Amino acid sequence: MAGKTITMSKLKKIIRHRDNGRALQIISKTVGIARNTVKKYLQLIEAKNLGYGNLLDMGDEVLDALLADPGHTSEQRFVDLEAFFL
C-alpha cells in the first residue's frame, strides 16, 4: 500500500459503513478496497480517538491531513531502519 492513497469519498464510505456497524470484509467488498487497507484506516481512526460522526462532517482536506496514508513511511523512519542494515 505504500505510496497509494484512497480518495476521500472512499474514506468517508469506509467511515460511514463502519459507523453503521458493518464488518471489515463487507466494507472492503462494498467500497472496493483491500480488507487490510480498510483495517489500517479504521485502526488509525481508533488510535487517534476520532469519532466517526465528526470525521464525516469534516472537509476532505482536513480529513486527509488527519488520516494521512497509514502505509506511507516517513523519511526519518527509513533512515532509522536503514541504520540496522549497515
PDB file of N, CA and C in Angstrom:
ATOM      1  N   MET A   1       0.807  -1.185   0.000  1.00  0.00           N
ATOM      2  CA  MET A   1       0.000   0.000   0.000  1.00  0.00           C
ATOM      3  C   MET A   1       0.852   1.252   0.000  1.00  0.00           C
ATOM      4  N   ALA A   2       2.092   1.156   0.312  1.00  0.00           N
ATOM      5  CA  ALA A   2       2.959   2.323   0.362  1.00  0.00           C
ATOM      6  C   ALA A   2       2.894   3.087  -0.944  1.00  0.00           C
ATOM      7  N   GLY A   3       2.724   4.412  -0.813  1.00  0.00           N
ATOM      8  CA  GLY A   3       2.674   5.247  -1.993  1.00  0.00           C
ATOM      9  C   GLY A   3       1.283   5.404  -2.573  1.00  0.00           C
ATOM     10  N   LYS A   4       0.341   4.605  -2.132  1.00  0.00           N
ATOM     11  CA  LYS A   4      -1.016   4.701  -2.643  1.00  0.00           C
ATOM     12  C   LYS A   4      -1.895   5.378  -1.604  1.00  0.00           C
ATOM     13  N   THR A   5      -2.820   6.169  -2.077  1.00  0.00           N
ATOM     14  CA  THR A   5      -3.799   6.760  -1.184  1.00  0.00           C
ATOM     15  C   THR A   5      -5.174   6.470  -1.735  1.00  0.00           C
ATOM     16  N   ILE A   6      -6.150   6.463  -0.861  1.00  0.00           N
ATOM     17  CA  ILE A   6      -7.513   6.280  -1.329  1.00  0.00           C
ATOM     18  C   ILE A   6      -8.172   7.640  -1.387  1.00  0.00           C
ATOM     19  N   THR A   7      -9.192   7.761  -2.210  1.00  0.00           N
ATOM     20  CA  THR A   7      -9.882   9.038  -2.322  1.00  0.00           C
ATOM     21  C   THR A   7     -10.673   9.289  -1.052  1.00  0.00           C
ATOM     22  N   MET A   8     -10.880  10.546  -0.771  1.00  0.00           N
ATOM     23  CA  MET A   8     -11.604  10.897   0.442  1.00  0.00           C
ATOM     24  C   MET A   8     -13.042  10.394   0.392  1.00  0.00           C
ATOM     25  N   SER A   9     -13.645  10.361  -0.791  1.00  0.00           N
ATOM     26  CA  SER A   9     -15.009   9.847  -0.860  1.00  0.00           C
ATOM     27  C   SER A   9     -15.041   8.377  -0.456  1.00  0.00           C
ATOM     28  N   LYS A  10     -14.007   7.608  -0.819  1.00  0.00           N
ATOM     29  CA  LYS A  10     -13.941   6.209  -0.404  1.00  0.00           C
ATOM     30  C   LYS A  10     -13.677   6.118   1.089  1.00  0.00           C
ATOM     31  N   LEU A  11     -12.856   6.998   1.606  1.00  0.00           N
ATOM     32  CA  LEU A  11     -12.578   7.008   3.034  1.00  0.00           C
ATOM     33  C   LEU A  11     -13.852   7.318   3.814  1.00  0.00           C
ATOM     34  N   LYS A  12     -14.615   8.261   3.330  1.00  0.00           N
ATOM     35  CA  LYS A  12     -15.877   8.576   4.004  1.00  0.00           C
ATOM     36  C   LYS A  12     -16.861   7.411   3.902  1.00  0.00           C
ATOM     37  N   LYS A  13     -16.827   6.670   2.801  1.00  0.00           N
ATOM     38  CA  LYS A  13     -17.679   5.486   2.689  1.00  0.00           C
ATOM     39  C   LYS A  13     -17.278   4.447   3.718  1.00  0.00           C
ATOM     40  N   ILE A  14     -15.965   4.260   3.907  1.00  0.00           N
ATOM     41  CA  ILE A  14     -15.472   3.319   4.918  1.00  0.00           C
ATOM     42  C   ILE A  14     -15.988   3.733   6.296  1.00  0.00           C
ATOM     43  N   ILE A  15     -15.832   5.000   6.620  1.00  0.00           N
ATOM     44  CA  ILE A  15     -16.249   5.518   7.918  1.00  0.00           C
ATOM     45  C   ILE A  15     -17.754   5.351   8.098  1.00  0.00           C
ATOM     46  N   ARG A  16     -18.506   5.693   7.074  1.00  0.00           N
ATOM     47  CA  ARG A  16     -19.971   5.588   7.144  1.00  0.00           C
ATOM     48  C   ARG A  16     -20.402   4.136   7.361  1.00  0.00           C
ATOM     49  N   HIS A  17     -19.818   3.218   6.617  1.00  0.00           N
ATOM     50  CA  HIS A  17     -20.171   1.799   6.775  1.00  0.00           C
ATOM     51  C   HIS A  17     -19.815   1.298   8.169  1.00  0.00           C
ATOM     52  N   ARG A  18     -18.642   1.682   8.665  1.00  0.00           N
ATOM     53  CA  ARG A  18     -18.219   1.224   9.994  1.00  0.00           C
ATOM     54  C   ARG A  18     -19.113   1.820  11.070  1.00  0.00           C
ATOM     55  N   ASP A  19     -19.493   3.070  10.883  1.00  0.00           N
ATOM     56  CA  ASP A  19     -20.390   3.732  11.829  1.00  0.00           C
ATOM     57  C   ASP A  19     -21.739   3.012  11.882  1.00  0.00           C
ATOM     58  N   ASN A  20     -22.113   2.390  10.773  1.00  0.00           N
ATOM     59  CA  ASN A  20     -23.361   1.623  10.706  1.00  0.00           C
ATOM     60  C   ASN A  20     -23.171   0.169  11.143  1.00  0.00           C
ATOM     61  N   GLY A  21     -21.977  -0.168  11.648  1.00  0.00           N
ATOM     62  CA  GLY A  21     -21.726  -1.483  12.217  1.00  0.00           C
ATOM     63  C   GLY A  21     -21.334  -2.569  11.229  1.00  0.00           C
ATOM     64  N   ARG A  22     -20.962  -2.185  10.015  1.00  0.00           N
ATOM     65  CA  ARG A  22     -20.581  -3.180   9.014  1.00  0.00           C
ATOM     66  C   ARG A  22     -19.212  -3.791   9.323  1.00  0.00           C
ATOM     67  N   ALA A  23     -19.038  -5.040   8.960  1.00  0.00           N
ATOM     68  CA  ALA A  23     -17.784  -5.762   9.173  1.00  0.00           C
ATOM     69  C   ALA A  23     -16.744  -5.360   8.129  1.00  0.00           C
ATOM     70  N   LEU A  24     -15.468  -5.584   8.448  1.00  0.00           N
ATOM     71  CA  LEU A  24     -14.369  -5.236   7.542  1.00  0.00           C
ATOM     72  C   LEU A  24     -14.547  -5.831   6.153  1.00  0.00           C
ATOM     73  N   GLN A  25     -14.866  -7.109   6.087  1.00  0.00           N
ATOM     74  CA  GLN A  25     -14.983  -7.780   4.790  1.00  0.00           C
ATOM     75  C   GLN A  25     -16.105  -7.175   3.941  1.00  0.00           C
ATOM     76  N   ILE A  26     -17.206  -6.841   4.562  1.00  0.00           N
ATOM     77  CA  ILE A  26     -18.325  -6.230   3.827  1.00  0.00           C
ATOM     78  C   ILE A  26     -17.935  -4.844   3.338  1.00  0.00           C
ATOM     79  N   ILE A  27     -17.280  -4.068   4.210  1.00  0.00           N
ATOM     80  CA  ILE A  27     -16.825  -2.726   3.812  1.00  0.00           C
ATOM     81  C   ILE A  27     -15.863  -2.841   2.643  1.00  0.00           C
ATOM     82  N   SER A  28     -14.930  -3.769   2.743  1.00  0.00           N
ATOM     83  CA  SER A  28     -13.931  -3.975   1.693  1.00  0.00           C
ATOM     84  C   SER A  28     -14.587  -4.262   0.350  1.00  0.00           C
ATOM     85  N   LYS A  29     -15.518  -5.175   0.339  1.00  0.00           N
ATOM     86  CA  LYS A  29     -16.192  -5.540  -0.910  1.00  0.00           C
ATOM     87  C   LYS A  29     -17.061  -4.411  -1.447  1.00  0.00           C
ATOM     88  N   THR A  30     -17.742  -3.729  -0.563  1.00  0.00           N
ATOM     89  CA  THR A  30     -18.640  -2.648  -0.972  1.00  0.00           C
ATOM     90  C   THR A  30     -17.886  -1.461  -1.563  1.00  0.00           C
ATOM     91  N   VAL A  31     -16.793  -1.082  -0.916  1.00  0.00           N
ATOM     92  CA  VAL A  31     -16.033   0.096  -1.334  1.00  0.00           C
ATOM     93  C   VAL A  31     -15.014  -0.251  -2.424  1.00  0.00           C
ATOM     94  N   GLY A  32     -14.610  -1.524  -2.478  1.00  0.00           N
ATOM     95  CA  GLY A  32     -13.647  -1.943  -3.495  1.00  0.00           C
ATOM     96  C   GLY A  32     -12.207  -1.696  -3.094  1.00  0.00           C
ATOM     97  N   ILE A  33     -11.927  -1.845  -1.802  1.00  0.00           N
ATOM     98  CA  ILE A  33     -10.587  -1.635  -1.264  1.00  0.00           C
ATOM     99  C   ILE A  33     -10.208  -2.883  -0.478  1.00  0.00           C
ATOM    100  N   ALA A  34      -8.937  -3.234  -0.496  1.00  0.00           N
ATOM    101  CA  ALA A  34      -8.460  -4.414   0.225  1.00  0.00           C
ATOM    102  C   ALA A  34      -8.846  -4.340   1.703  1.00  0.00           C
ATOM    103  N   ARG A  35      -9.196  -5.484   2.265  1.00  0.00           N
ATOM    104  CA  ARG A  35      -9.617  -5.560   3.666  1.00  0.00           C
ATOM    105  C   ARG A  35      -8.540  -5.014   4.598  1.00  0.00           C
ATOM    106  N   ASN A  36      -7.285  -5.320   4.320  1.00  0.00           N
ATOM    107  CA  ASN A  36      -6.201  -4.831   5.178  1.00  0.00           C
ATOM    108  C   ASN A  36      -6.063  -3.315   5.124  1.00  0.00           C
ATOM    109  N   THR A  37      -6.359  -2.715   3.984  1.00  0.00           N
ATOM    110  CA  THR A  37      -6.322  -1.259   3.863  1.00  0.00           C
ATOM    111  C   THR A  37      -7.438  -0.647   4.695  1.00  0.00           C
ATOM    112  N   VAL A  38      -8.628  -1.218   4.597  1.00  0.00           N
ATOM    113  CA  VAL A  38      -9.750  -0.756   5.407  1.00  0.00           C
ATOM    114  C   VAL A  38      -9.381  -0.867   6.884  1.00  0.00           C
ATOM    115  N   LYS A  39      -8.808  -1.991   7.258  1.00  0.00           N
ATOM    116  CA  LYS A  39      -8.419  -2.239   8.643  1.00  0.00           C
ATOM    117  C   LYS A  39      -7.406  -1.202   9.123  1.00  0.00           C
ATOM    118  N   LYS A  40      -6.424  -0.877   8.297  1.00  0.00           N
ATOM    119  CA  LYS A  40      -5.406   0.108   8.684  1.00  0.00           C
ATOM    120  C   LYS A  40      -6.029   1.474   8.945  1.00  0.00           C
ATOM    121  N   TYR A  41      -6.938   1.904   8.071  1.00  0.00           N
ATOM    122  CA  TYR A  41      -7.583   3.203   8.271  1.00  0.00           C
ATOM    123  C   TYR A  41      -8.444   3.198   9.524  1.00  0.00           C
ATOM    124  N   LEU A  42      -9.183   2.131   9.763  1.00  0.00           N
ATOM    125  CA  LEU A  42     -10.024   2.059  10.956  1.00  0.00           C
ATOM    126  C   LEU A  42      -9.178   2.008  12.225  1.00  0.00           C
ATOM    127  N   GLN A  43      -8.045   1.326  12.183  1.00  0.00           N
ATOM    128  CA  GLN A  43      -7.145   1.304  13.333  1.00  0.00           C
ATOM    129  C   GLN A  43      -6.550   2.683  13.585  1.00  0.00           C
ATOM    130  N   LEU A  44      -6.241   3.406  12.524  1.00  0.00           N
ATOM    131  CA  LEU A  44      -5.706   4.753  12.663  1.00  0.00           C
ATOM    132  C   LEU A  44      -6.745   5.670  13.306  1.00  0.00           C
ATOM    133  N   ILE A  45      -7.991   5.544  12.874  1.00  0.00           N
ATOM    134  CA  ILE A  45      -9.074   6.344  13.448  1.00  0.00           C
ATOM    135  C   ILE A  45      -9.213   6.029  14.939  1.00  0.00           C
ATOM    136  N   GLU A  46      -9.177   4.741  15.272  1.00  0.00           N
ATOM    137  CA  GLU A  46      -9.307   4.321  16.665  1.00  0.00           C
ATOM    138  C   GLU A  46      -8.124   4.809  17.505  1.00  0.00           C
ATOM    139  N   ALA A  47      -6.922   4.690  16.973  1.00  0.00           N
ATOM    140  CA  ALA A  47      -5.724   5.105  17.704  1.00  0.00           C
ATOM    141  C   ALA A  47      -5.730   6.598  18.000  1.00  0.00           C
ATOM    142  N   LYS A  48      -6.337   7.369  17.110  1.00  0.00           N
ATOM    143  CA  LYS A  48      -6.393   8.823  17.290  1.00  0.00           C
ATOM    144  C   LYS A  48      -7.647   9.249  18.050  1.00  0.00           C
ATOM    145  N   ASN A  49      -8.457   8.263  18.476  1.00  0.00           N
ATOM    146  CA  ASN A  49      -9.697   8.546  19.219  1.00  0.00           C
ATOM    147  C   ASN A  49     -10.607   9.531  18.494  1.00  0.00           C
ATOM    148  N   LEU A  50     -10.794   9.291  17.198  1.00  0.00           N
ATOM    149  CA  LEU A  50     -11.634  10.161  16.389  1.00  0.00           C
ATOM    150  C   LEU A  50     -13.023   9.540  16.253  1.00  0.00           C
ATOM    151  N   GLY A  51     -14.043  10.340  16.434  1.00  0.00           N
ATOM    152  CA  GLY A  51     -15.417   9.851  16.292  1.00  0.00           C
ATOM    153  C   GLY A  51     -15.830   9.823  14.832  1.00  0.00           C
ATOM    154  N   TYR A  52     -16.564   8.783  14.446  1.00  0.00           N
ATOM    155  CA  TYR A  52     -16.988   8.644  13.049  1.00  0.00           C
ATOM    156  C   TYR A  52     -17.852   9.818  12.590  1.00  0.00           C
ATOM    157  N   GLY A  53     -18.781  10.234  13.422  1.00  0.00           N
ATOM    158  CA  GLY A  53     -19.658  11.347  13.048  1.00  0.00           C
ATOM    159  C   GLY A  53     -18.890  12.616  12.769  1.00  0.00           C
ATOM    160  N   ASN A  54     -17.916  12.905  13.623  1.00  0.00           N
ATOM    161  CA  ASN A  54     -17.094  14.111  13.427  1.00  0.00           C
ATOM    162  C   ASN A  54     -16.297  14.025  12.133  1.00  0.00           C
ATOM    163  N   LEU A  55     -15.777  12.852  11.826  1.00  0.00           N
ATOM    164  CA  LEU A  55     -14.985  12.682  10.610  1.00  0.00           C
ATOM    165  C   LEU A  55     -15.829  12.889   9.361  1.00  0.00           C
ATOM    166  N   LEU A  56     -17.060  12.416   9.399  1.00  0.00           N
ATOM    167  CA  LEU A  56     -17.943  12.551   8.234  1.00  0.00           C
ATOM    168  C   LEU A  56     -18.311  14.006   7.974  1.00  0.00           C
ATOM    169  N   ASP A  57     -18.305  14.833   9.023  1.00  0.00           N
ATOM    170  CA  ASP A  57     -18.633  16.250   8.877  1.00  0.00           C
ATOM    171  C   ASP A  57     -17.458  17.082   8.379  1.00  0.00           C
ATOM    172  N   MET A  58     -16.263  16.521   8.407  1.00  0.00           N
ATOM    173  CA  MET A  58     -15.064  17.261   8.015  1.00  0.00           C
ATOM    174  C   MET A  58     -14.941  17.379   6.505  1.00  0.00           C
ATOM    175  N   GLY A  59     -14.285  18.429   6.084  1.00  0.00           N
ATOM    176  CA  GLY A  59     -13.957  18.588   4.677  1.00  0.00           C
ATOM    177  C   GLY A  59     -12.871  17.607   4.284  1.00  0.00           C
ATOM    178  N   ASP A  60     -12.744  17.367   2.996  1.00  0.00           N
ATOM    179  CA  ASP A  60     -11.774  16.391   2.505  1.00  0.00           C
ATOM    180  C   ASP A  60     -10.338  16.739   2.874  1.00  0.00           C
ATOM    181  N   GLU A  61      -9.967  18.016   2.814  1.00  0.00           N
ATOM    182  CA  GLU A  61      -8.588  18.405   3.114  1.00  0.00           C
ATOM    183  C   GLU A  61      -8.250  18.169   4.578  1.00  0.00           C
ATOM    184  N   VAL A  62      -9.183  18.474   5.467  1.00  0.00           N
ATOM    185  CA  VAL A  62      -8.962  18.267   6.898  1.00  0.00           C
ATOM    186  C   VAL A  62      -8.875  16.771   7.187  1.00  0.00           C
ATOM    187  N   LEU A  63      -9.778  16.018   6.592  1.00  0.00           N
ATOM    188  CA  LEU A  63      -9.787  14.566   6.774  1.00  0.00           C
ATOM    189  C   LEU A  63      -8.495  13.946   6.248  1.00  0.00           C
ATOM    190  N   ASP A  64      -8.042  14.429   5.108  1.00  0.00           N
ATOM    191  CA  ASP A  64      -6.793  13.931   4.525  1.00  0.00           C
ATOM    192  C   ASP A  64      -5.615  14.187   5.458  1.00  0.00           C
ATOM    193  N   ALA A  65      -5.575  15.363   6.071  1.00  0.00           N
ATOM    194  CA  ALA A  65      -4.484  15.700   6.988  1.00  0.00           C
ATOM    195  C   ALA A  65      -4.523  14.815   8.238  1.00  0.00           C
ATOM    196  N   LEU A  66      -5.693  14.541   8.735  1.00  0.00           N
ATOM    197  CA  LEU A  66      -5.828  13.704   9.933  1.00  0.00           C
ATOM    198  C   LEU A  66      -5.492  12.247   9.670  1.00  0.00           C
ATOM    199  N   LEU A  67      -5.865  11.788   8.494  1.00  0.00           N
ATOM    200  CA  LEU A  67      -5.715  10.367   8.183  1.00  0.00           C
ATOM    201  C   LEU A  67      -4.796  10.156   6.992  1.00  0.00           C
ATOM    202  N   ALA A  68      -3.621  10.741   7.061  1.00  0.00           N
ATOM    203  CA  ALA A  68      -2.640  10.540   6.001  1.00  0.00           C
ATOM    204  C   ALA A  68      -2.408   9.048   5.832  1.00  0.00           C
ATOM    205  N   ASP A  69      -2.089   8.628   4.631  1.00  0.00           N
ATOM    206  CA  ASP A  69      -1.922   7.219   4.283  1.00  0.00           C
ATOM    207  C   ASP A  69      -1.129   6.480   5.353  1.00  0.00           C
ATOM    208  N   PRO A  70      -1.769   5.538   6.068  1.00  0.00           N
ATOM    209  CA  PRO A  70      -1.055   4.834   7.135  1.00  0.00           C
ATOM    210  C   PRO A  70       0.045   3.919   6.618  1.00  0.00           C
ATOM    211  N   GLY A  71       0.067   3.637   5.338  1.00  0.00           N
ATOM    212  CA  GLY A  71       1.118   2.804   4.773  1.00  0.00           C
ATOM    213  C   GLY A  71       2.322   3.607   4.327  1.00  0.00           C
ATOM    214  N   HIS A  72       2.189   4.916   4.328  1.00  0.00           N
ATOM    215  CA  HIS A  72       3.270   5.795   3.882  1.00  0.00           C
ATOM    216  C   HIS A  72       4.285   5.943   5.001  1.00  0.00           C
ATOM    217  N   THR A  73       5.549   5.729   4.697  1.00  0.00           N
ATOM    218  CA  THR A  73       6.594   5.840   5.707  1.00  0.00           C
ATOM    219  C   THR A  73       7.314   7.171   5.575  1.00  0.00           C
ATOM    220  N   SER A  74       7.729   7.685   6.706  1.00  0.00           N
ATOM    221  CA  SER A  74       8.455   8.951   6.683  1.00  0.00           C
ATOM    222  C   SER A  74       9.917   8.701   6.324  1.00  0.00           C
ATOM    223  N   GLU A  75      10.579   9.728   5.877  1.00  0.00           N
ATOM    224  CA  GLU A  75      11.997   9.631   5.517  1.00  0.00           C
ATOM    225  C   GLU A  75      12.831   9.261   6.736  1.00  0.00           C
ATOM    226  N   GLN A  76      12.541   9.870   7.890  1.00  0.00           N
ATOM    227  CA  GLN A  76      13.310   9.570   9.103  1.00  0.00           C
ATOM    228  C   GLN A  76      13.145   8.112   9.502  1.00  0.00           C
ATOM    229  N   ARG A  77      11.981   7.586   9.356  1.00  0.00           N
ATOM    230  CA  ARG A  77      11.749   6.180   9.684  1.00  0.00           C
ATOM    231  C   ARG A  77      12.593   5.271   8.796  1.00  0.00           C
ATOM    232  N   PHE A  78      12.690   5.623   7.527  1.00  0.00           N
ATOM    233  CA  PHE A  78      13.518   4.862   6.602  1.00  0.00           C
ATOM    234  C   PHE A  78      14.991   4.928   7.002  1.00  0.00           C
ATOM    235  N   VAL A  79      15.462   6.112   7.362  1.00  0.00           N
ATOM    236  CA  VAL A  79      16.863   6.300   7.771  1.00  0.00           C
ATOM    237  C   VAL A  79      17.150   5.462   9.029  1.00  0.00           C
ATOM    238  N   ASP A  80      16.235   5.492   9.989  1.00  0.00           N
ATOM    239  CA  ASP A  80      16.413   4.704  11.220  1.00  0.00           C
ATOM    240  C   ASP A  80      16.488   3.214  10.909  1.00  0.00           C
ATOM    241  N   LEU A  81      15.629   2.749  10.045  1.00  0.00           N
ATOM    242  CA  LEU A  81      15.620   1.342   9.678  1.00  0.00           C
ATOM    243  C   LEU A  81      16.888   0.956   8.917  1.00  0.00           C
ATOM    244  N   GLU A  82      17.308   1.825   8.013  1.00  0.00           N
ATOM    245  CA  GLU A  82      18.494   1.574   7.216  1.00  0.00           C
ATOM    246  C   GLU A  82      19.737   1.389   8.098  1.00  0.00           C
ATOM    247  N   ALA A  83      19.786   2.095   9.211  1.00  0.00           N
ATOM    248  CA  ALA A  83      20.924   2.002  10.124  1.00  0.00           C
ATOM    249  C   ALA A  83      21.118   0.579  10.658  1.00  0.00           C
ATOM    250  N   PHE A  84      20.060  -0.172  10.768  1.00  0.00           N
ATOM    251  CA  PHE A  84      20.153  -1.542  11.250  1.00  0.00           C
ATOM    252  C   PHE A  84      20.839  -2.472  10.256  1.00  0.00           C
ATOM    253  N   PHE A  85      20.853  -2.100   9.000  1.00  0.00           N
ATOM    254  CA  PHE A  85      21.408  -2.949   7.973  1.00  0.00           C
ATOM    255  C   PHE A  85      22.819  -2.555   7.543  1.00  0.00           C
ATOM    256  N   LEU A  86      23.351  -1.520   8.108  1.00  0.00           N
ATOM    257  CA  LEU A  86      24.707  -1.065   7.762  1.00  0.00           C
ATOM    258  C   LEU A  86      25.740  -1.629   8.694  1.00  0.00           C
TER     259      LEU A  86
END
